[in-house]
């Protein structure tokens, strides 16, 4: 799962990028945790040949209930308008088990989006925009399988 994050916060109709360079952590099954900072480096162009992003191996299960996550710490609470997310898109793959949660304290999380076990639309170069409209310091993005792996 190559997941890239871009978190935006709207203030007076101007959009401010908040996620750039912020700390990122992930579930224990992240293959290359040293690459987690690439999730918030602003680069949304896929490069699967060099695996320049954090990823997990698709679980061997055939369902979408086994999920992995990455989490961004924005380092302070903001009122967020939306989150734009990119997953690997260069080959038209779709993803399932996608969920976004927010938290102000890192302990109690609220679900913003839950795609469940359904396959969502194929990933694209423009990413997925999800309305958040709530206060958050932490954003946690869950994902499961894709149609290629």
N, C-alpha and C. Protein backbone atom coordinates (compact mmCIF):
# COMPACT_ATOMS: atom_id res chain seq x y z
N UNK A 1 0.85 -1.16 0.00
CA UNK A 1 0.00 0.00 0.00
C UNK A 1 0.90 1.22 0.00
N UNK A 2 1.03 1.91 -1.09
CA UNK A 2 1.78 3.16 -1.12
C UNK A 2 0.81 4.29 -0.86
N UNK A 3 0.88 4.87 0.30
CA UNK A 3 -0.09 5.89 0.68
C UNK A 3 0.63 7.23 0.80
N UNK A 4 0.12 8.27 0.17
CA UNK A 4 0.66 9.61 0.33
C UNK A 4 -0.45 10.50 0.87
N UNK A 5 -0.10 11.38 1.76
CA UNK A 5 -1.06 12.25 2.42
C UNK A 5 -0.81 13.69 2.06
N UNK A 6 -1.86 14.44 1.95
CA UNK A 6 -1.76 15.88 1.89
C UNK A 6 -2.96 16.40 2.67
N UNK A 7 -2.70 17.10 3.75
CA UNK A 7 -3.76 17.59 4.61
C UNK A 7 -3.87 19.09 4.40
N UNK A 8 -5.06 19.59 4.17
CA UNK A 8 -5.26 21.02 3.94
C UNK A 8 -6.20 21.59 4.98
N UNK A 9 -5.93 22.81 5.33
CA UNK A 9 -6.71 23.53 6.33
C UNK A 9 -7.13 24.85 5.71
N UNK A 10 -8.41 25.15 5.69
CA UNK A 10 -8.87 26.41 5.09
C UNK A 10 -9.01 27.50 6.14
N UNK A 11 -8.43 28.63 5.86
CA UNK A 11 -8.52 29.80 6.73
C UNK A 11 -8.86 30.99 5.83
N UNK A 12 -9.99 31.63 6.09
CA UNK A 12 -10.40 32.81 5.30
C UNK A 12 -10.33 32.55 3.79
N UNK A 13 -10.80 31.41 3.38
CA UNK A 13 -10.86 30.97 1.98
C UNK A 13 -9.49 30.73 1.35
N UNK A 14 -8.43 30.80 2.12
CA UNK A 14 -7.11 30.42 1.62
C UNK A 14 -6.78 29.03 2.15
N UNK A 15 -6.22 28.20 1.32
CA UNK A 15 -5.90 26.84 1.73
C UNK A 15 -4.44 26.77 2.13
N UNK A 16 -4.20 26.25 3.33
CA UNK A 16 -2.85 26.18 3.88
C UNK A 16 -2.46 24.71 4.04
N UNK A 17 -1.34 24.29 3.45
CA UNK A 17 -0.86 22.93 3.58
C UNK A 17 -0.26 22.73 4.97
N UNK A 18 -0.82 21.79 5.74
CA UNK A 18 -0.39 21.58 7.13
C UNK A 18 0.48 20.35 7.32
N UNK A 19 0.40 19.39 6.45
CA UNK A 19 1.06 18.11 6.69
C UNK A 19 2.53 18.08 6.31
N UNK A 20 2.99 19.01 5.49
CA UNK A 20 4.36 18.97 4.97
C UNK A 20 5.38 18.87 6.11
N UNK A 21 6.17 17.81 6.09
CA UNK A 21 7.25 17.64 7.05
C UNK A 21 6.84 17.25 8.46
N UNK A 22 5.57 16.96 8.67
CA UNK A 22 5.11 16.61 10.02
C UNK A 22 5.46 15.15 10.33
N UNK A 23 5.55 14.80 11.62
CA UNK A 23 5.88 13.42 12.00
C UNK A 23 4.82 12.42 11.54
N UNK A 24 5.29 11.28 11.03
CA UNK A 24 4.41 10.22 10.57
C UNK A 24 4.82 8.91 11.24
N UNK A 25 3.83 8.19 11.73
CA UNK A 25 4.06 6.86 12.30
C UNK A 25 3.14 5.89 11.56
N UNK A 26 3.30 4.60 11.84
CA UNK A 26 2.46 3.62 11.16
C UNK A 26 2.31 2.35 11.94
N UNK A 27 1.45 1.48 11.43
CA UNK A 27 1.23 0.19 12.08
C UNK A 27 2.51 -0.65 11.95
N UNK A 28 2.65 -1.66 12.80
CA UNK A 28 3.89 -2.45 12.83
C UNK A 28 4.22 -3.17 11.53
N UNK A 29 3.28 -3.34 10.62
CA UNK A 29 3.54 -4.08 9.39
C UNK A 29 4.06 -3.21 8.24
N UNK A 30 4.40 -1.98 8.51
CA UNK A 30 5.00 -1.13 7.47
C UNK A 30 6.37 -1.73 7.12
N UNK A 31 6.59 -2.02 5.83
CA UNK A 31 7.83 -2.68 5.39
C UNK A 31 9.06 -1.81 5.58
N UNK A 32 8.96 -0.55 5.28
CA UNK A 32 10.13 0.33 5.33
C UNK A 32 9.76 1.61 6.08
N UNK A 33 9.67 1.53 7.42
CA UNK A 33 9.24 2.70 8.20
C UNK A 33 10.12 3.93 8.03
N UNK A 34 11.36 3.75 7.61
CA UNK A 34 12.23 4.90 7.38
C UNK A 34 11.70 5.78 6.24
N UNK A 35 10.83 5.23 5.40
CA UNK A 35 10.24 5.98 4.29
C UNK A 35 8.97 6.73 4.69
N UNK A 36 8.50 6.56 5.92
CA UNK A 36 7.26 7.24 6.33
C UNK A 36 7.29 8.75 6.10
N UNK A 37 8.42 9.44 6.30
CA UNK A 37 8.43 10.89 6.02
C UNK A 37 8.09 11.24 4.57
N UNK A 38 8.25 10.30 3.62
CA UNK A 38 7.91 10.60 2.23
C UNK A 38 6.41 10.76 2.04
N UNK A 39 5.61 10.33 3.01
CA UNK A 39 4.17 10.48 2.90
C UNK A 39 3.74 11.94 2.99
N UNK A 40 4.57 12.78 3.54
CA UNK A 40 4.22 14.19 3.70
C UNK A 40 5.27 15.11 3.08
N UNK A 41 5.93 14.62 2.01
CA UNK A 41 6.97 15.43 1.37
C UNK A 41 6.46 16.26 0.21
N UNK A 42 5.16 16.16 -0.09
CA UNK A 42 4.57 16.95 -1.17
C UNK A 42 4.64 16.30 -2.52
N UNK A 43 5.36 15.19 -2.68
CA UNK A 43 5.50 14.51 -3.96
C UNK A 43 4.36 13.53 -4.12
N UNK A 44 3.55 13.67 -5.16
CA UNK A 44 2.42 12.76 -5.39
C UNK A 44 2.61 11.90 -6.62
N UNK A 45 3.80 11.94 -7.23
CA UNK A 45 4.06 11.15 -8.43
C UNK A 45 4.53 9.76 -8.02
N UNK A 46 3.85 8.70 -8.51
CA UNK A 46 4.24 7.35 -8.11
C UNK A 46 5.56 6.93 -8.75
N UNK A 47 6.33 6.16 -8.02
CA UNK A 47 7.56 5.62 -8.55
C UNK A 47 7.74 4.23 -7.94
N UNK A 48 6.97 3.30 -8.43
CA UNK A 48 6.98 1.96 -7.86
C UNK A 48 8.31 1.25 -8.12
N UNK A 49 9.04 1.66 -9.15
CA UNK A 49 10.32 1.01 -9.46
C UNK A 49 11.35 1.23 -8.35
N UNK A 50 11.33 2.39 -7.74
CA UNK A 50 12.31 2.66 -6.69
C UNK A 50 11.70 2.56 -5.30
N UNK A 51 10.41 2.27 -5.22
CA UNK A 51 9.70 2.15 -3.95
C UNK A 51 10.09 3.31 -3.03
N UNK A 52 9.80 4.52 -3.48
CA UNK A 52 10.20 5.71 -2.74
C UNK A 52 9.14 6.15 -1.74
N UNK A 53 8.32 5.23 -1.29
CA UNK A 53 7.28 5.56 -0.34
C UNK A 53 7.13 4.42 0.65
N UNK A 54 6.51 4.69 1.77
CA UNK A 54 6.24 3.65 2.74
C UNK A 54 5.16 2.73 2.19
N UNK A 55 5.28 1.46 2.48
CA UNK A 55 4.30 0.51 1.97
C UNK A 55 4.18 -0.68 2.90
N UNK A 56 3.11 -1.42 2.71
CA UNK A 56 2.95 -2.70 3.38
C UNK A 56 2.66 -3.73 2.31
N UNK A 57 2.98 -4.97 2.60
CA UNK A 57 2.66 -6.04 1.68
C UNK A 57 1.18 -6.36 1.84
N UNK A 58 0.50 -6.55 0.74
CA UNK A 58 -0.91 -6.92 0.82
C UNK A 58 -1.03 -8.21 1.62
N UNK A 59 -1.96 -8.25 2.55
CA UNK A 59 -2.15 -9.47 3.33
C UNK A 59 -2.62 -10.60 2.43
N UNK A 60 -2.30 -11.85 2.81
CA UNK A 60 -2.69 -12.98 1.97
C UNK A 60 -4.19 -13.24 1.97
N UNK A 61 -4.93 -12.63 2.90
CA UNK A 61 -6.37 -12.84 2.95
C UNK A 61 -7.03 -12.29 1.69
N UNK A 62 -8.17 -12.85 1.37
CA UNK A 62 -8.88 -12.39 0.18
C UNK A 62 -9.93 -11.34 0.52
N UNK A 63 -10.09 -11.02 1.79
CA UNK A 63 -11.07 -10.00 2.17
C UNK A 63 -10.36 -8.69 2.50
N UNK A 64 -11.14 -7.69 2.79
CA UNK A 64 -10.59 -6.34 3.02
C UNK A 64 -10.64 -5.92 4.49
N UNK A 65 -10.69 -6.89 5.38
CA UNK A 65 -10.81 -6.54 6.79
C UNK A 65 -9.45 -6.42 7.49
N UNK A 66 -8.38 -6.90 6.87
CA UNK A 66 -7.05 -6.76 7.44
C UNK A 66 -6.49 -5.43 6.95
N UNK A 67 -6.29 -4.48 7.87
CA UNK A 67 -5.89 -3.13 7.48
C UNK A 67 -4.58 -2.73 8.15
N UNK A 68 -3.90 -1.82 7.52
CA UNK A 68 -2.70 -1.18 8.07
C UNK A 68 -2.97 0.31 8.09
N UNK A 69 -2.22 1.03 8.93
CA UNK A 69 -2.46 2.47 8.99
C UNK A 69 -1.17 3.26 9.00
N UNK A 70 -1.30 4.52 8.61
CA UNK A 70 -0.28 5.54 8.83
C UNK A 70 -0.97 6.69 9.55
N UNK A 71 -0.20 7.42 10.34
CA UNK A 71 -0.77 8.51 11.13
C UNK A 71 0.13 9.73 11.06
N UNK A 72 -0.49 10.88 10.86
CA UNK A 72 0.24 12.15 10.86
C UNK A 72 -0.10 12.90 12.14
N UNK A 73 0.94 13.44 12.76
CA UNK A 73 0.78 14.31 13.92
C UNK A 73 1.00 15.75 13.44
N UNK A 74 -0.06 16.52 13.40
CA UNK A 74 0.04 17.92 12.94
C UNK A 74 0.67 18.82 13.98
N UNK A 75 0.96 18.28 15.16
CA UNK A 75 1.67 18.93 16.26
C UNK A 75 0.87 20.01 16.98
N UNK A 76 -0.30 20.31 16.51
CA UNK A 76 -1.24 21.16 17.23
C UNK A 76 -2.63 20.93 16.63
N UNK A 77 -3.64 21.33 17.34
CA UNK A 77 -5.01 21.12 16.87
C UNK A 77 -5.38 22.22 15.88
N UNK A 78 -5.94 21.80 14.75
CA UNK A 78 -6.43 22.71 13.72
C UNK A 78 -7.88 22.36 13.41
N UNK A 79 -8.63 23.31 12.91
CA UNK A 79 -9.93 23.01 12.33
C UNK A 79 -9.65 22.67 10.87
N UNK A 80 -9.83 21.41 10.50
CA UNK A 80 -9.50 20.94 9.16
C UNK A 80 -10.72 20.99 8.26
N UNK A 81 -10.51 21.42 7.04
CA UNK A 81 -11.60 21.44 6.07
C UNK A 81 -11.63 20.13 5.29
N UNK A 82 -10.48 19.69 4.82
CA UNK A 82 -10.45 18.48 4.00
C UNK A 82 -9.07 17.82 4.05
N UNK A 83 -9.04 16.58 3.60
CA UNK A 83 -7.81 15.81 3.46
C UNK A 83 -7.77 15.32 2.02
N UNK A 84 -6.64 15.47 1.39
CA UNK A 84 -6.46 14.90 0.04
C UNK A 84 -5.42 13.80 0.17
N UNK A 85 -5.79 12.61 -0.33
CA UNK A 85 -4.96 11.42 -0.19
C UNK A 85 -4.62 10.84 -1.55
N UNK A 86 -3.39 10.38 -1.67
CA UNK A 86 -2.98 9.68 -2.87
C UNK A 86 -2.53 8.29 -2.50
N UNK A 87 -3.03 7.29 -3.20
CA UNK A 87 -2.47 5.96 -3.14
C UNK A 87 -1.93 5.68 -4.53
N UNK A 88 -1.10 4.64 -4.66
CA UNK A 88 -0.49 4.35 -5.96
C UNK A 88 -1.58 4.26 -7.03
N UNK A 89 -1.42 5.00 -8.12
CA UNK A 89 -2.48 5.10 -9.12
C UNK A 89 -2.04 4.82 -10.55
N UNK A 90 -0.77 4.59 -10.79
CA UNK A 90 -0.25 4.55 -12.15
C UNK A 90 -0.76 3.37 -12.98
N UNK A 91 -1.34 2.36 -12.35
CA UNK A 91 -1.81 1.20 -13.10
C UNK A 91 -3.32 0.97 -12.95
N UNK A 92 -4.04 1.98 -12.43
CA UNK A 92 -5.49 1.89 -12.34
C UNK A 92 -6.03 1.03 -11.22
N UNK A 93 -5.20 0.70 -10.25
CA UNK A 93 -5.66 -0.17 -9.17
C UNK A 93 -6.69 0.51 -8.27
N UNK A 94 -7.54 -0.30 -7.69
CA UNK A 94 -8.52 0.14 -6.71
C UNK A 94 -8.11 -0.39 -5.34
N UNK A 95 -8.66 0.20 -4.30
CA UNK A 95 -8.33 -0.16 -2.93
C UNK A 95 -9.59 -0.46 -2.14
N UNK A 96 -9.46 -1.25 -1.10
CA UNK A 96 -10.58 -1.51 -0.20
C UNK A 96 -10.10 -1.38 1.24
N UNK A 97 -11.04 -1.36 2.17
CA UNK A 97 -10.70 -1.26 3.58
C UNK A 97 -10.17 0.11 3.97
N UNK A 98 -10.53 1.14 3.21
CA UNK A 98 -10.01 2.48 3.47
C UNK A 98 -10.86 3.19 4.52
N UNK A 99 -10.18 3.82 5.46
CA UNK A 99 -10.88 4.54 6.53
C UNK A 99 -9.99 5.70 6.97
N UNK A 100 -10.61 6.83 7.31
CA UNK A 100 -9.89 7.99 7.85
C UNK A 100 -10.47 8.30 9.21
N UNK A 101 -9.58 8.47 10.18
CA UNK A 101 -9.98 8.85 11.53
C UNK A 101 -9.22 10.10 11.95
N UNK A 102 -9.83 10.89 12.83
CA UNK A 102 -9.16 12.07 13.38
C UNK A 102 -9.21 12.00 14.90
N UNK A 103 -8.28 12.72 15.52
CA UNK A 103 -8.23 12.79 16.98
C UNK A 103 -7.59 14.11 17.39
N UNK A 104 -8.05 14.65 18.49
CA UNK A 104 -7.39 15.85 19.03
C UNK A 104 -6.33 15.48 20.06
N UNK A 105 -6.40 14.25 20.62
CA UNK A 105 -5.50 13.88 21.71
C UNK A 105 -4.67 12.62 21.46
N UNK A 106 -4.88 11.91 20.36
CA UNK A 106 -4.14 10.70 20.05
C UNK A 106 -4.65 9.47 20.79
N UNK A 107 -5.75 9.60 21.52
CA UNK A 107 -6.32 8.47 22.25
C UNK A 107 -7.71 8.10 21.76
N UNK A 108 -8.53 9.11 21.57
CA UNK A 108 -9.91 8.90 21.13
C UNK A 108 -10.01 9.36 19.67
N UNK A 109 -10.46 8.44 18.80
CA UNK A 109 -10.54 8.73 17.37
C UNK A 109 -11.98 8.72 16.90
N UNK A 110 -12.28 9.59 15.92
CA UNK A 110 -13.59 9.64 15.29
C UNK A 110 -13.43 9.33 13.81
N UNK A 111 -14.33 8.54 13.27
CA UNK A 111 -14.28 8.16 11.86
C UNK A 111 -14.84 9.29 10.99
N UNK A 112 -14.08 9.67 9.98
CA UNK A 112 -14.49 10.69 9.01
C UNK A 112 -15.00 10.01 7.73
N UNK A 113 -14.33 8.94 7.35
CA UNK A 113 -14.70 8.20 6.13
C UNK A 113 -14.43 6.72 6.40
N UNK A 114 -15.35 5.86 5.98
CA UNK A 114 -15.15 4.42 6.10
C UNK A 114 -15.72 3.74 4.86
N UNK A 115 -14.83 3.28 4.00
CA UNK A 115 -15.24 2.60 2.78
C UNK A 115 -15.61 1.15 3.02
N UNK A 116 -15.38 0.65 4.24
CA UNK A 116 -15.71 -0.73 4.56
C UNK A 116 -14.94 -1.71 3.69
N UNK A 117 -15.55 -2.85 3.44
CA UNK A 117 -14.90 -3.90 2.67
C UNK A 117 -15.13 -3.75 1.17
N UNK A 118 -15.77 -2.68 0.75
CA UNK A 118 -16.06 -2.47 -0.67
C UNK A 118 -14.84 -1.91 -1.40
N UNK A 119 -14.74 -2.25 -2.68
CA UNK A 119 -13.69 -1.67 -3.52
C UNK A 119 -14.13 -0.26 -3.89
N UNK A 120 -13.25 0.70 -3.69
CA UNK A 120 -13.57 2.08 -4.04
C UNK A 120 -13.11 2.34 -5.47
N UNK A 121 -13.44 3.50 -6.01
CA UNK A 121 -13.07 3.86 -7.38
C UNK A 121 -11.55 3.77 -7.54
N UNK A 122 -11.08 3.48 -8.75
CA UNK A 122 -9.63 3.42 -8.97
C UNK A 122 -8.94 4.72 -8.56
N UNK A 123 -7.74 4.59 -8.01
CA UNK A 123 -6.94 5.75 -7.61
C UNK A 123 -6.56 6.55 -8.84
N UNK A 124 -6.45 7.88 -8.68
CA UNK A 124 -6.11 8.76 -9.80
C UNK A 124 -5.00 9.73 -9.39
N UNK A 125 -4.46 10.40 -10.39
CA UNK A 125 -3.39 11.37 -10.15
C UNK A 125 -3.86 12.57 -9.33
N UNK A 126 -5.15 12.84 -9.33
CA UNK A 126 -5.66 13.98 -8.56
C UNK A 126 -5.91 13.63 -7.09
N UNK A 127 -5.80 12.35 -6.74
CA UNK A 127 -6.01 11.93 -5.36
C UNK A 127 -7.48 11.93 -4.99
N UNK A 128 -7.74 11.61 -3.75
CA UNK A 128 -9.10 11.59 -3.22
C UNK A 128 -9.25 12.71 -2.21
N UNK A 129 -10.26 13.52 -2.40
CA UNK A 129 -10.54 14.61 -1.48
C UNK A 129 -11.66 14.17 -0.54
N UNK A 130 -11.40 14.28 0.77
CA UNK A 130 -12.39 13.89 1.77
C UNK A 130 -12.64 15.09 2.67
N UNK A 131 -13.89 15.50 2.77
CA UNK A 131 -14.25 16.58 3.68
C UNK A 131 -14.09 16.12 5.12
N UNK A 132 -13.48 16.94 5.95
CA UNK A 132 -13.26 16.60 7.36
C UNK A 132 -14.12 17.49 8.25
N UNK A 133 -13.94 18.80 8.13
CA UNK A 133 -14.74 19.78 8.87
C UNK A 133 -14.83 19.50 10.37
N UNK A 134 -13.67 19.37 10.98
CA UNK A 134 -13.61 19.17 12.43
C UNK A 134 -12.21 19.49 12.94
N UNK A 135 -12.12 19.62 14.25
CA UNK A 135 -10.82 19.86 14.89
C UNK A 135 -10.04 18.56 14.95
N UNK A 136 -8.74 18.63 14.68
CA UNK A 136 -7.91 17.43 14.76
C UNK A 136 -6.44 17.81 14.89
N UNK A 137 -5.72 16.99 15.59
CA UNK A 137 -4.26 17.06 15.62
C UNK A 137 -3.69 15.84 14.90
N UNK A 138 -4.34 14.70 15.08
CA UNK A 138 -3.88 13.44 14.50
C UNK A 138 -4.84 12.98 13.41
N UNK A 139 -4.27 12.50 12.30
CA UNK A 139 -5.05 11.90 11.23
C UNK A 139 -4.52 10.49 11.01
N UNK A 140 -5.41 9.53 11.03
CA UNK A 140 -5.03 8.14 10.83
C UNK A 140 -5.75 7.62 9.60
N UNK A 141 -4.97 7.06 8.67
CA UNK A 141 -5.50 6.54 7.41
C UNK A 141 -5.27 5.05 7.38
N UNK A 142 -6.36 4.30 7.29
CA UNK A 142 -6.33 2.84 7.21
C UNK A 142 -6.55 2.42 5.76
N UNK A 143 -5.91 1.33 5.35
CA UNK A 143 -6.14 0.79 4.03
C UNK A 143 -5.84 -0.71 4.05
N UNK A 144 -6.41 -1.41 3.09
CA UNK A 144 -6.23 -2.86 3.04
C UNK A 144 -5.61 -3.24 1.70
N UNK A 145 -6.30 -4.05 0.96
CA UNK A 145 -5.78 -4.62 -0.28
C UNK A 145 -5.97 -3.70 -1.49
N UNK A 146 -5.29 -4.07 -2.58
CA UNK A 146 -5.56 -3.41 -3.83
C UNK A 146 -5.79 -4.47 -4.90
N UNK A 147 -6.28 -4.06 -6.05
CA UNK A 147 -6.65 -5.02 -7.10
C UNK A 147 -5.46 -5.56 -7.88
N UNK A 148 -4.27 -5.02 -7.63
CA UNK A 148 -3.08 -5.48 -8.35
C UNK A 148 -2.29 -6.47 -7.52
N UNK A 149 -2.12 -6.17 -6.23
CA UNK A 149 -1.27 -6.98 -5.35
C UNK A 149 -1.94 -8.17 -4.83
